[in-house]
Amino acid sequence: MVGGSGGGTHPPGGSHVHEEVPPREVLLHAVLVGVVLALVVVVVAGPRAGGLVLAADLLLAGVLRLVLPVRVVGALAVRSRAFDVVVALALALACAGLAWVVPTGG
């Protein structure tokens, strides 16, 4: 028998190559996916569209931080709820403003 006396069974907890994302980090990963999406949009459609996607992603992060409890938002909770929301919304507003005024090159 190759591989020990386990008879083809997996050890408790499994020996999976990919580990699951802890539930507290799911929203952080979703926001990071939004940032990557914004970068792709910058390459494909230009900086104005990508900046607006990034602004929408930051707006979503701020709203999620506002309405969800700390045990759900996980790593999105950095400081107090009010501080996190104000910073995320200010960054969203700044990104949207900069995206709106950026020259289109045409």
PDB file of N, CA and C in Angstrom:
ATOM      1  N   MET A   1       0.846  -1.157   0.000  1.00  0.00           N
ATOM      2  CA  MET A   1       0.000   0.000   0.000  1.00  0.00           C
ATOM      3  C   MET A   1       0.903   1.234   0.000  1.00  0.00           C
ATOM      4  N   VAL A   2       0.682   2.102  -0.957  1.00  0.00           N
ATOM      5  CA  VAL A   2       1.484   3.304  -1.077  1.00  0.00           C
ATOM      6  C   VAL A   2       0.819   4.418  -0.287  1.00  0.00           C
ATOM      7  N   GLY A   3       1.594   5.207   0.424  1.00  0.00           N
ATOM      8  CA  GLY A   3       1.059   6.367   1.124  1.00  0.00           C
ATOM      9  C   GLY A   3       0.594   6.070   2.537  1.00  0.00           C
ATOM     10  N   GLY A   4       0.993   4.985   3.132  1.00  0.00           N
ATOM     11  CA  GLY A   4       0.651   4.722   4.529  1.00  0.00           C
ATOM     12  C   GLY A   4      -0.522   3.786   4.674  1.00  0.00           C
ATOM     13  N   SER A   5      -0.973   3.648   5.905  1.00  0.00           N
ATOM     14  CA  SER A   5      -2.027   2.691   6.199  1.00  0.00           C
ATOM     15  C   SER A   5      -3.399   3.346   6.277  1.00  0.00           C
ATOM     16  N   GLY A   6      -3.542   4.501   5.691  1.00  0.00           N
ATOM     17  CA  GLY A   6      -4.811   5.211   5.769  1.00  0.00           C
ATOM     18  C   GLY A   6      -5.889   4.617   4.902  1.00  0.00           C
ATOM     19  N   GLY A   7      -5.529   3.755   3.976  1.00  0.00           N
ATOM     20  CA  GLY A   7      -6.535   3.127   3.134  1.00  0.00           C
ATOM     21  C   GLY A   7      -7.211   4.117   2.201  1.00  0.00           C
ATOM     22  N   GLY A   8      -6.535   5.221   1.864  1.00  0.00           N
ATOM     23  CA  GLY A   8      -7.102   6.188   0.936  1.00  0.00           C
ATOM     24  C   GLY A   8      -7.955   7.253   1.587  1.00  0.00           C
ATOM     25  N   THR A   9      -8.039   7.237   2.900  1.00  0.00           N
ATOM     26  CA  THR A   9      -8.836   8.268   3.574  1.00  0.00           C
ATOM     27  C   THR A   9      -7.973   9.486   3.854  1.00  0.00           C
ATOM     28  N   HIS A  10      -8.628  10.633   3.975  1.00  0.00           N
ATOM     29  CA  HIS A  10      -7.912  11.866   4.268  1.00  0.00           C
ATOM     30  C   HIS A  10      -7.867  12.073   5.774  1.00  0.00           C
ATOM     31  N   PRO A  11      -6.810  12.695   6.262  1.00  0.00           N
ATOM     32  CA  PRO A  11      -6.750  12.962   7.703  1.00  0.00           C
ATOM     33  C   PRO A  11      -7.832  13.949   8.111  1.00  0.00           C
ATOM     34  N   PRO A  12      -8.209  13.961   9.394  1.00  0.00           N
ATOM     35  CA  PRO A  12      -9.221  14.913   9.865  1.00  0.00           C
ATOM     36  C   PRO A  12      -8.802  16.345   9.514  1.00  0.00           C
ATOM     37  N   GLY A  13      -9.745  17.111   9.066  1.00  0.00           N
ATOM     38  CA  GLY A  13      -9.449  18.480   8.671  1.00  0.00           C
ATOM     39  C   GLY A  13      -9.072  18.578   7.215  1.00  0.00           C
ATOM     40  N   GLY A  14      -8.816  17.465   6.582  1.00  0.00           N
ATOM     41  CA  GLY A  14      -8.507  17.453   5.159  1.00  0.00           C
ATOM     42  C   GLY A  14      -7.098  17.918   4.874  1.00  0.00           C
ATOM     43  N   SER A  15      -6.614  17.541   3.719  1.00  0.00           N
ATOM     44  CA  SER A  15      -5.287  17.978   3.276  1.00  0.00           C
ATOM     45  C   SER A  15      -5.448  18.740   1.981  1.00  0.00           C
ATOM     46  N   HIS A  16      -6.377  19.678   1.985  1.00  0.00           N
ATOM     47  CA  HIS A  16      -6.674  20.431   0.790  1.00  0.00           C
ATOM     48  C   HIS A  16      -5.562  21.417   0.497  1.00  0.00           C
ATOM     49  N   VAL A  17      -5.319  21.629  -0.782  1.00  0.00           N
ATOM     50  CA  VAL A  17      -4.304  22.585  -1.195  1.00  0.00           C
ATOM     51  C   VAL A  17      -4.802  24.000  -0.944  1.00  0.00           C
ATOM     52  N   HIS A  18      -6.080  24.262  -1.213  1.00  0.00           N
ATOM     53  CA  HIS A  18      -6.659  25.594  -1.035  1.00  0.00           C
ATOM     54  C   HIS A  18      -7.385  25.659   0.292  1.00  0.00           C
ATOM     55  N   GLU A  19      -7.068  26.682   1.057  1.00  0.00           N
ATOM     56  CA  GLU A  19      -7.763  26.878   2.319  1.00  0.00           C
ATOM     57  C   GLU A  19      -8.911  27.841   2.102  1.00  0.00           C
ATOM     58  N   GLU A  20      -9.963  27.660   2.879  1.00  0.00           N
ATOM     59  CA  GLU A  20     -11.113  28.554   2.769  1.00  0.00           C
ATOM     60  C   GLU A  20     -10.790  29.889   3.425  1.00  0.00           C
ATOM     61  N   VAL A  21     -11.388  30.943   2.887  1.00  0.00           N
ATOM     62  CA  VAL A  21     -11.220  32.270   3.457  1.00  0.00           C
ATOM     63  C   VAL A  21     -12.072  32.355   4.715  1.00  0.00           C
ATOM     64  N   PRO A  22     -11.487  32.814   5.828  1.00  0.00           N
ATOM     65  CA  PRO A  22     -12.299  32.961   7.039  1.00  0.00           C
ATOM     66  C   PRO A  22     -13.458  33.917   6.791  1.00  0.00           C
ATOM     67  N   PRO A  23     -14.613  33.653   7.371  1.00  0.00           N
ATOM     68  CA  PRO A  23     -15.796  34.481   7.124  1.00  0.00           C
ATOM     69  C   PRO A  23     -15.569  35.967   7.410  1.00  0.00           C
ATOM     70  N   ARG A  24     -14.714  36.282   8.379  1.00  0.00           N
ATOM     71  CA  ARG A  24     -14.472  37.682   8.715  1.00  0.00           C
ATOM     72  C   ARG A  24     -13.692  38.416   7.631  1.00  0.00           C
ATOM     73  N   GLU A  25     -13.069  37.706   6.716  1.00  0.00           N
ATOM     74  CA  GLU A  25     -12.262  38.348   5.687  1.00  0.00           C
ATOM     75  C   GLU A  25     -12.932  38.352   4.317  1.00  0.00           C
ATOM     76  N   VAL A  26     -14.117  37.815   4.221  1.00  0.00           N
ATOM     77  CA  VAL A  26     -14.804  37.734   2.932  1.00  0.00           C
ATOM     78  C   VAL A  26     -15.078  39.127   2.373  1.00  0.00           C
ATOM     79  N   LEU A  27     -15.549  40.044   3.203  1.00  0.00           N
ATOM     80  CA  LEU A  27     -15.846  41.393   2.719  1.00  0.00           C
ATOM     81  C   LEU A  27     -14.578  42.124   2.305  1.00  0.00           C
ATOM     82  N   LEU A  28     -13.493  41.923   3.039  1.00  0.00           N
ATOM     83  CA  LEU A  28     -12.226  42.541   2.640  1.00  0.00           C
ATOM     84  C   LEU A  28     -11.792  42.024   1.276  1.00  0.00           C
ATOM     85  N   HIS A  29     -11.924  40.729   1.061  1.00  0.00           N
ATOM     86  CA  HIS A  29     -11.567  40.168  -0.242  1.00  0.00           C
ATOM     87  C   HIS A  29     -12.482  40.711  -1.339  1.00  0.00           C
ATOM     88  N   ALA A  30     -13.750  40.911  -1.033  1.00  0.00           N
ATOM     89  CA  ALA A  30     -14.678  41.474  -2.018  1.00  0.00           C
ATOM     90  C   ALA A  30     -14.265  42.898  -2.399  1.00  0.00           C
ATOM     91  N   VAL A  31     -13.855  43.693  -1.412  1.00  0.00           N
ATOM     92  CA  VAL A  31     -13.402  45.056  -1.702  1.00  0.00           C
ATOM     93  C   VAL A  31     -12.119  45.020  -2.527  1.00  0.00           C
ATOM     94  N   LEU A  32     -11.219  44.106  -2.213  1.00  0.00           N
ATOM     95  CA  LEU A  32      -9.984  43.983  -2.994  1.00  0.00           C
ATOM     96  C   LEU A  32     -10.264  43.544  -4.436  1.00  0.00           C
ATOM     97  N   VAL A  33     -11.246  42.702  -4.621  1.00  0.00           N
ATOM     98  CA  VAL A  33     -11.655  42.323  -5.976  1.00  0.00           C
ATOM     99  C   VAL A  33     -12.171  43.553  -6.719  1.00  0.00           C
ATOM    100  N   GLY A  34     -12.888  44.420  -6.019  1.00  0.00           N
ATOM    101  CA  GLY A  34     -13.357  45.661  -6.627  1.00  0.00           C
ATOM    102  C   GLY A  34     -12.207  46.561  -7.053  1.00  0.00           C
ATOM    103  N   VAL A  35     -11.146  46.608  -6.266  1.00  0.00           N
ATOM    104  CA  VAL A  35      -9.972  47.407  -6.625  1.00  0.00           C
ATOM    105  C   VAL A  35      -9.309  46.835  -7.880  1.00  0.00           C
ATOM    106  N   VAL A  36      -9.177  45.521  -7.937  1.00  0.00           N
ATOM    107  CA  VAL A  36      -8.598  44.893  -9.126  1.00  0.00           C
ATOM    108  C   VAL A  36      -9.487  45.147 -10.340  1.00  0.00           C
ATOM    109  N   LEU A  37     -10.795  45.067 -10.159  1.00  0.00           N
ATOM    110  CA  LEU A  37     -11.725  45.365 -11.239  1.00  0.00           C
ATOM    111  C   LEU A  37     -11.548  46.801 -11.726  1.00  0.00           C
ATOM    112  N   ALA A  38     -11.361  47.728 -10.800  1.00  0.00           N
ATOM    113  CA  ALA A  38     -11.143  49.126 -11.175  1.00  0.00           C
ATOM    114  C   ALA A  38      -9.876  49.273 -12.006  1.00  0.00           C
ATOM    115  N   LEU A  39      -8.828  48.553 -11.647  1.00  0.00           N
ATOM    116  CA  LEU A  39      -7.589  48.603 -12.431  1.00  0.00           C
ATOM    117  C   LEU A  39      -7.787  48.038 -13.829  1.00  0.00           C
ATOM    118  N   VAL A  40      -8.557  46.972 -13.934  1.00  0.00           N
ATOM    119  CA  VAL A  40      -8.855  46.404 -15.249  1.00  0.00           C
ATOM    120  C   VAL A  40      -9.654  47.395 -16.086  1.00  0.00           C
ATOM    121  N   VAL A  41     -10.609  48.060 -15.459  1.00  0.00           N
ATOM    122  CA  VAL A  41     -11.409  49.056 -16.173  1.00  0.00           C
ATOM    123  C   VAL A  41     -10.542  50.220 -16.627  1.00  0.00           C
ATOM    124  N   VAL A  42      -9.551  50.610 -15.825  1.00  0.00           N
ATOM    125  CA  VAL A  42      -8.624  51.669 -16.243  1.00  0.00           C
ATOM    126  C   VAL A  42      -7.910  51.270 -17.527  1.00  0.00           C
ATOM    127  N   VAL A  43      -7.446  50.041 -17.598  1.00  0.00           N
ATOM    128  CA  VAL A  43      -6.724  49.573 -18.780  1.00  0.00           C
ATOM    129  C   VAL A  43      -7.659  49.473 -19.985  1.00  0.00           C
ATOM    130  N   VAL A  44      -8.860  48.973 -19.773  1.00  0.00           N
ATOM    131  CA  VAL A  44      -9.775  48.721 -20.880  1.00  0.00           C
ATOM    132  C   VAL A  44     -10.527  49.970 -21.317  1.00  0.00           C
ATOM    133  N   ALA A  45     -11.048  50.742 -20.375  1.00  0.00           N
ATOM    134  CA  ALA A  45     -11.945  51.846 -20.721  1.00  0.00           C
ATOM    135  C   ALA A  45     -11.387  53.229 -20.407  1.00  0.00           C
ATOM    136  N   GLY A  46     -10.286  53.314 -19.683  1.00  0.00           N
ATOM    137  CA  GLY A  46      -9.700  54.606 -19.389  1.00  0.00           C
ATOM    138  C   GLY A  46      -9.764  54.971 -17.923  1.00  0.00           C
ATOM    139  N   PRO A  47      -9.021  56.018 -17.559  1.00  0.00           N
ATOM    140  CA  PRO A  47      -8.912  56.380 -16.142  1.00  0.00           C
ATOM    141  C   PRO A  47     -10.196  56.927 -15.531  1.00  0.00           C
ATOM    142  N   ARG A  48     -11.021  57.594 -16.331  1.00  0.00           N
ATOM    143  CA  ARG A  48     -12.267  58.134 -15.766  1.00  0.00           C
ATOM    144  C   ARG A  48     -13.180  57.000 -15.306  1.00  0.00           C
ATOM    145  N   ALA A  49     -13.395  56.031 -16.156  1.00  0.00           N
ATOM    146  CA  ALA A  49     -14.263  54.906 -15.810  1.00  0.00           C
ATOM    147  C   ALA A  49     -13.677  54.096 -14.655  1.00  0.00           C
ATOM    148  N   GLY A  50     -12.371  53.849 -14.687  1.00  0.00           N
ATOM    149  CA  GLY A  50     -11.732  53.102 -13.606  1.00  0.00           C
ATOM    150  C   GLY A  50     -11.799  53.828 -12.283  1.00  0.00           C
ATOM    151  N   GLY A  51     -11.625  55.147 -12.311  1.00  0.00           N
ATOM    152  CA  GLY A  51     -11.731  55.934 -11.092  1.00  0.00           C
ATOM    153  C   GLY A  51     -13.129  55.904 -10.513  1.00  0.00           C
ATOM    154  N   LEU A  52     -14.125  55.904 -11.390  1.00  0.00           N
ATOM    155  CA  LEU A  52     -15.509  55.831 -10.907  1.00  0.00           C
ATOM    156  C   LEU A  52     -15.830  54.458 -10.329  1.00  0.00           C
ATOM    157  N   VAL A  53     -15.259  53.408 -10.919  1.00  0.00           N
ATOM    158  CA  VAL A  53     -15.443  52.065 -10.352  1.00  0.00           C
ATOM    159  C   VAL A  53     -14.777  51.983  -8.979  1.00  0.00           C
ATOM    160  N   LEU A  54     -13.586  52.562  -8.858  1.00  0.00           N
ATOM    161  CA  LEU A  54     -12.902  52.573  -7.564  1.00  0.00           C
ATOM    162  C   LEU A  54     -13.712  53.372  -6.539  1.00  0.00           C
ATOM    163  N   ALA A  55     -14.267  54.502  -6.959  1.00  0.00           N
ATOM    164  CA  ALA A  55     -15.113  55.304  -6.059  1.00  0.00           C
ATOM    165  C   ALA A  55     -16.331  54.510  -5.598  1.00  0.00           C
ATOM    166  N   ALA A  56     -16.951  53.779  -6.519  1.00  0.00           N
ATOM    167  CA  ALA A  56     -18.107  52.954  -6.158  1.00  0.00           C
ATOM    168  C   ALA A  56     -17.707  51.855  -5.176  1.00  0.00           C
ATOM    169  N   ASP A  57     -16.530  51.286  -5.365  1.00  0.00           N
ATOM    170  CA  ASP A  57     -16.037  50.241  -4.471  1.00  0.00           C
ATOM    171  C   ASP A  57     -15.804  50.808  -3.069  1.00  0.00           C
ATOM    172  N   LEU A  58     -15.213  51.986  -2.975  1.00  0.00           N
ATOM    173  CA  LEU A  58     -14.995  52.617  -1.678  1.00  0.00           C
ATOM    174  C   LEU A  58     -16.316  53.016  -1.027  1.00  0.00           C
ATOM    175  N   LEU A  59     -17.256  53.475  -1.836  1.00  0.00           N
ATOM    176  CA  LEU A  59     -18.585  53.811  -1.321  1.00  0.00           C
ATOM    177  C   LEU A  59     -19.254  52.570  -0.739  1.00  0.00           C
ATOM    178  N   LEU A  60     -19.170  51.463  -1.461  1.00  0.00           N
ATOM    179  CA  LEU A  60     -19.734  50.205  -0.974  1.00  0.00           C
ATOM    180  C   LEU A  60     -19.063  49.779   0.332  1.00  0.00           C
ATOM    181  N   ALA A  61     -17.737  49.910   0.415  1.00  0.00           N
ATOM    182  CA  ALA A  61     -17.028  49.553   1.642  1.00  0.00           C
ATOM    183  C   ALA A  61     -17.506  50.414   2.811  1.00  0.00           C
ATOM    184  N   GLY A  62     -17.698  51.697   2.569  1.00  0.00           N
ATOM    185  CA  GLY A  62     -18.181  52.584   3.622  1.00  0.00           C
ATOM    186  C   GLY A  62     -19.586  52.245   4.078  1.00  0.00           C
ATOM    187  N   VAL A  63     -20.452  51.942   3.131  1.00  0.00           N
ATOM    188  CA  VAL A  63     -21.829  51.589   3.480  1.00  0.00           C
ATOM    189  C   VAL A  63     -21.867  50.259   4.232  1.00  0.00           C
ATOM    190  N   LEU A  64     -21.073  49.287   3.779  1.00  0.00           N
ATOM    191  CA  LEU A  64     -21.020  48.005   4.493  1.00  0.00           C
ATOM    192  C   LEU A  64     -20.523  48.196   5.920  1.00  0.00           C
ATOM    193  N   ARG A  65     -19.516  49.041   6.089  1.00  0.00           N
ATOM    194  CA  ARG A  65     -18.992  49.307   7.431  1.00  0.00           C
ATOM    195  C   ARG A  65     -20.030  49.995   8.301  1.00  0.00           C
ATOM    196  N   LEU A  66     -20.867  50.811   7.673  1.00  0.00           N
ATOM    197  CA  LEU A  66     -21.898  51.530   8.412  1.00  0.00           C
ATOM    198  C   LEU A  66     -23.014  50.609   8.901  1.00  0.00           C
ATOM    199  N   VAL A  67     -23.454  49.687   8.052  1.00  0.00           N
ATOM    200  CA  VAL A  67     -24.661  48.923   8.374  1.00  0.00           C
ATOM    201  C   VAL A  67     -24.403  47.551   8.986  1.00  0.00           C
ATOM    202  N   LEU A  68     -23.212  46.996   8.824  1.00  0.00           N
ATOM    203  CA  LEU A  68     -22.952  45.643   9.326  1.00  0.00           C
ATOM    204  C   LEU A  68     -22.208  45.685  10.659  1.00  0.00           C
ATOM    205  N   PRO A  69     -22.448  44.710  11.519  1.00  0.00           N
ATOM    206  CA  PRO A  69     -21.728  44.663  12.804  1.00  0.00           C
ATOM    207  C   PRO A  69     -20.263  44.274  12.608  1.00  0.00           C
ATOM    208  N   VAL A  70     -19.454  44.571  13.610  1.00  0.00           N
ATOM    209  CA  VAL A  70     -18.010  44.333  13.536  1.00  0.00           C
ATOM    210  C   VAL A  70     -17.697  42.854  13.299  1.00  0.00           C
ATOM    211  N   ARG A  71     -18.461  41.971  13.892  1.00  0.00           N
ATOM    212  CA  ARG A  71     -18.175  40.540  13.725  1.00  0.00           C
ATOM    213  C   ARG A  71     -18.352  40.082  12.292  1.00  0.00           C
ATOM    214  N   VAL A  72     -19.097  40.845  11.470  1.00  0.00           N
ATOM    215  CA  VAL A  72     -19.311  40.494  10.070  1.00  0.00           C
ATOM    216  C   VAL A  72     -18.307  41.199   9.162  1.00  0.00           C
ATOM    217  N   VAL A  73     -18.026  42.478   9.419  1.00  0.00           N
ATOM    218  CA  VAL A  73     -17.135  43.224   8.517  1.00  0.00           C
ATOM    219  C   VAL A  73     -15.689  42.833   8.698  1.00  0.00           C
ATOM    220  N   GLY A  74     -15.330  42.274   9.824  1.00  0.00           N
ATOM    221  CA  GLY A  74     -13.987  41.766  10.028  1.00  0.00           C
ATOM    222  C   GLY A  74     -12.912  42.814   9.817  1.00  0.00           C
ATOM    223  N   ALA A  75     -12.054  42.595   8.818  1.00  0.00           N
ATOM    224  CA  ALA A  75     -10.889  43.444   8.586  1.00  0.00           C
ATOM    225  C   ALA A  75     -11.249  44.823   8.053  1.00  0.00           C
ATOM    226  N   LEU A  76     -12.492  45.068   7.664  1.00  0.00           N
ATOM    227  CA  LEU A  76     -12.886  46.422   7.259  1.00  0.00           C
ATOM    228  C   LEU A  76     -13.024  47.333   8.474  1.00  0.00           C
ATOM    229  N   ALA A  77     -13.135  46.757   9.653  1.00  0.00           N
ATOM    230  CA  ALA A  77     -13.231  47.544  10.881  1.00  0.00           C
ATOM    231  C   ALA A  77     -11.817  47.835  11.374  1.00  0.00           C
ATOM    232  N   VAL A  78     -11.371  49.071  11.175  1.00  0.00           N
ATOM    233  CA  VAL A  78     -10.020  49.451  11.562  1.00  0.00           C
ATOM    234  C   VAL A  78     -10.042  50.309  12.819  1.00  0.00           C
ATOM    235  N   ARG A  79     -10.843  51.335  12.788  1.00  0.00           N
ATOM    236  CA  ARG A  79     -10.990  52.238  13.933  1.00  0.00           C
ATOM    237  C   ARG A  79     -12.453  52.211  14.371  1.00  0.00           C
ATOM    238  N   SER A  80     -12.946  53.310  14.876  1.00  0.00           N
ATOM    239  CA  SER A  80     -14.359  53.366  15.243  1.00  0.00           C
ATOM    240  C   SER A  80     -15.205  53.330  13.972  1.00  0.00           C
ATOM    241  N   ARG A  81     -16.451  52.955  14.132  1.00  0.00           N
ATOM    242  CA  ARG A  81     -17.353  52.872  12.977  1.00  0.00           C
ATOM    243  C   ARG A  81     -17.456  54.219  12.263  1.00  0.00           C
ATOM    244  N   ALA A  82     -17.629  55.290  13.030  1.00  0.00           N
ATOM    245  CA  ALA A  82     -17.777  56.617  12.428  1.00  0.00           C
ATOM    246  C   ALA A  82     -16.520  57.006  11.644  1.00  0.00           C
ATOM    247  N   PHE A  83     -15.355  56.762  12.215  1.00  0.00           N
ATOM    248  CA  PHE A  83     -14.098  57.111  11.544  1.00  0.00           C
ATOM    249  C   PHE A  83     -13.944  56.322  10.248  1.00  0.00           C
ATOM    250  N   ASP A  84     -14.176  55.010  10.310  1.00  0.00           N
ATOM    251  CA  ASP A  84     -14.044  54.165   9.116  1.00  0.00           C
ATOM    252  C   ASP A  84     -14.982  54.617   8.008  1.00  0.00           C
ATOM    253  N   VAL A  85     -16.223  54.924   8.369  1.00  0.00           N
ATOM    254  CA  VAL A  85     -17.211  55.339   7.367  1.00  0.00           C
ATOM    255  C   VAL A  85     -16.828  56.680   6.757  1.00  0.00           C
ATOM    256  N   VAL A  86     -16.431  57.634   7.591  1.00  0.00           N
ATOM    257  CA  VAL A  86     -16.059  58.957   7.082  1.00  0.00           C
ATOM    258  C   VAL A  86     -14.851  58.853   6.147  1.00  0.00           C
ATOM    259  N   VAL A  87     -13.859  58.078   6.518  1.00  0.00           N
ATOM    260  CA  VAL A  87     -12.667  57.931   5.672  1.00  0.00           C
ATOM    261  C   VAL A  87     -13.023  57.259   4.351  1.00  0.00           C
ATOM    262  N   ALA A  88     -13.797  56.187   4.391  1.00  0.00           N
ATOM    263  CA  ALA A  88     -14.166  55.489   3.152  1.00  0.00           C
ATOM    264  C   ALA A  88     -14.991  56.389   2.239  1.00  0.00           C
ATOM    265  N   LEU A  89     -15.935  57.123   2.802  1.00  0.00           N
ATOM    266  CA  LEU A  89     -16.771  58.001   1.981  1.00  0.00           C
ATOM    267  C   LEU A  89     -15.972  59.194   1.453  1.00  0.00           C
ATOM    268  N   ALA A  90     -15.052  59.716   2.240  1.00  0.00           N
ATOM    269  CA  ALA A  90     -14.201  60.812   1.770  1.00  0.00           C
ATOM    270  C   ALA A  90     -13.303  60.342   0.624  1.00  0.00           C
ATOM    271  N   LEU A  91     -12.742  59.148   0.752  1.00  0.00           N
ATOM    272  CA  LEU A  91     -11.918  58.604  -0.334  1.00  0.00           C
ATOM    273  C   LEU A  91     -12.758  58.339  -1.580  1.00  0.00           C
ATOM    274  N   ALA A  92     -13.976  57.859  -1.398  1.00  0.00           N
ATOM    275  CA  ALA A  92     -14.865  57.630  -2.545  1.00  0.00           C
ATOM    276  C   ALA A  92     -15.171  58.942  -3.249  1.00  0.00           C
ATOM    277  N   LEU A  93     -15.459  59.968  -2.478  1.00  0.00           N
ATOM    278  CA  LEU A  93     -15.744  61.283  -3.050  1.00  0.00           C
ATOM    279  C   LEU A  93     -14.523  61.842  -3.768  1.00  0.00           C
ATOM    280  N   ALA A  94     -13.356  61.694  -3.167  1.00  0.00           N
ATOM    281  CA  ALA A  94     -12.123  62.180  -3.795  1.00  0.00           C
ATOM    282  C   ALA A  94     -11.835  61.438  -5.094  1.00  0.00           C
ATOM    283  N   CYS A  95     -11.990  60.122  -5.090  1.00  0.00           N
ATOM    284  CA  CYS A  95     -11.758  59.337  -6.321  1.00  0.00           C
ATOM    285  C   CYS A  95     -12.742  59.726  -7.415  1.00  0.00           C
ATOM    286  N   ALA A  96     -14.004  59.905  -7.040  1.00  0.00           N
ATOM    287  CA  ALA A  96     -15.009  60.288  -8.035  1.00  0.00           C
ATOM    288  C   ALA A  96     -14.704  61.677  -8.585  1.00  0.00           C
ATOM    289  N   GLY A  97     -14.319  62.605  -7.710  1.00  0.00           N
ATOM    290  CA  GLY A  97     -13.984  63.949  -8.161  1.00  0.00           C
ATOM    291  C   GLY A  97     -12.780  63.964  -9.078  1.00  0.00           C
ATOM    292  N   LEU A  98     -11.741  63.238  -8.698  1.00  0.00           N
ATOM    293  CA  LEU A  98     -10.546  63.177  -9.545  1.00  0.00           C
ATOM    294  C   LEU A  98     -10.836  62.467 -10.870  1.00  0.00           C
ATOM    295  N   ALA A  99     -11.642  61.414 -10.811  1.00  0.00           N
ATOM    296  CA  ALA A  99     -11.994  60.712 -12.056  1.00  0.00           C
ATOM    297  C   ALA A  99     -12.785  61.616 -12.986  1.00  0.00           C
ATOM    298  N   TRP A 100     -13.595  62.465 -12.422  1.00  0.00           N
ATOM    299  CA  TRP A 100     -14.433  63.338 -13.245  1.00  0.00           C
ATOM    300  C   TRP A 100     -13.613  64.423 -13.933  1.00  0.00           C
ATOM    301  N   VAL A 101     -12.568  64.919 -13.275  1.00  0.00           N
ATOM    302  CA  VAL A 101     -11.782  66.018 -13.840  1.00  0.00           C
ATOM    303  C   VAL A 101     -10.558  65.572 -14.624  1.00  0.00           C
ATOM    304  N   VAL A 102     -10.263  64.289 -14.621  1.00  0.00           N
ATOM    305  CA  VAL A 102      -9.068  63.807 -15.341  1.00  0.00           C
ATOM    306  C   VAL A 102      -9.286  64.008 -16.848  1.00  0.00           C
ATOM    307  N   PRO A 103      -8.264  64.508 -17.540  1.00  0.00           N
ATOM    308  CA  PRO A 103      -8.410  64.675 -18.992  1.00  0.00           C
ATOM    309  C   PRO A 103      -8.609  63.320 -19.682  1.00  0.00           C
ATOM    310  N   THR A 104      -9.469  63.315 -20.683  1.00  0.00           N
ATOM    311  CA  THR A 104      -9.752  62.048 -21.356  1.00  0.00           C
ATOM    312  C   THR A 104      -8.736  61.739 -22.444  1.00  0.00           C
ATOM    313  N   GLY A 105      -7.906  62.675 -22.812  1.00  0.00           N
ATOM    314  CA  GLY A 105      -6.860  62.424 -23.795  1.00  0.00           C
ATOM    315  C   GLY A 105      -7.349  62.493 -25.220  1.00  0.00           C
ATOM    316  N   GLY A 106      -8.578  62.872 -25.432  1.00  0.00           N
ATOM    317  CA  GLY A 106      -9.099  62.878 -26.788  1.00  0.00           C
ATOM    318  C   GLY A 106      -9.460  64.233 -27.226  1.00  0.00           C
TER     319      GLY A 106
END
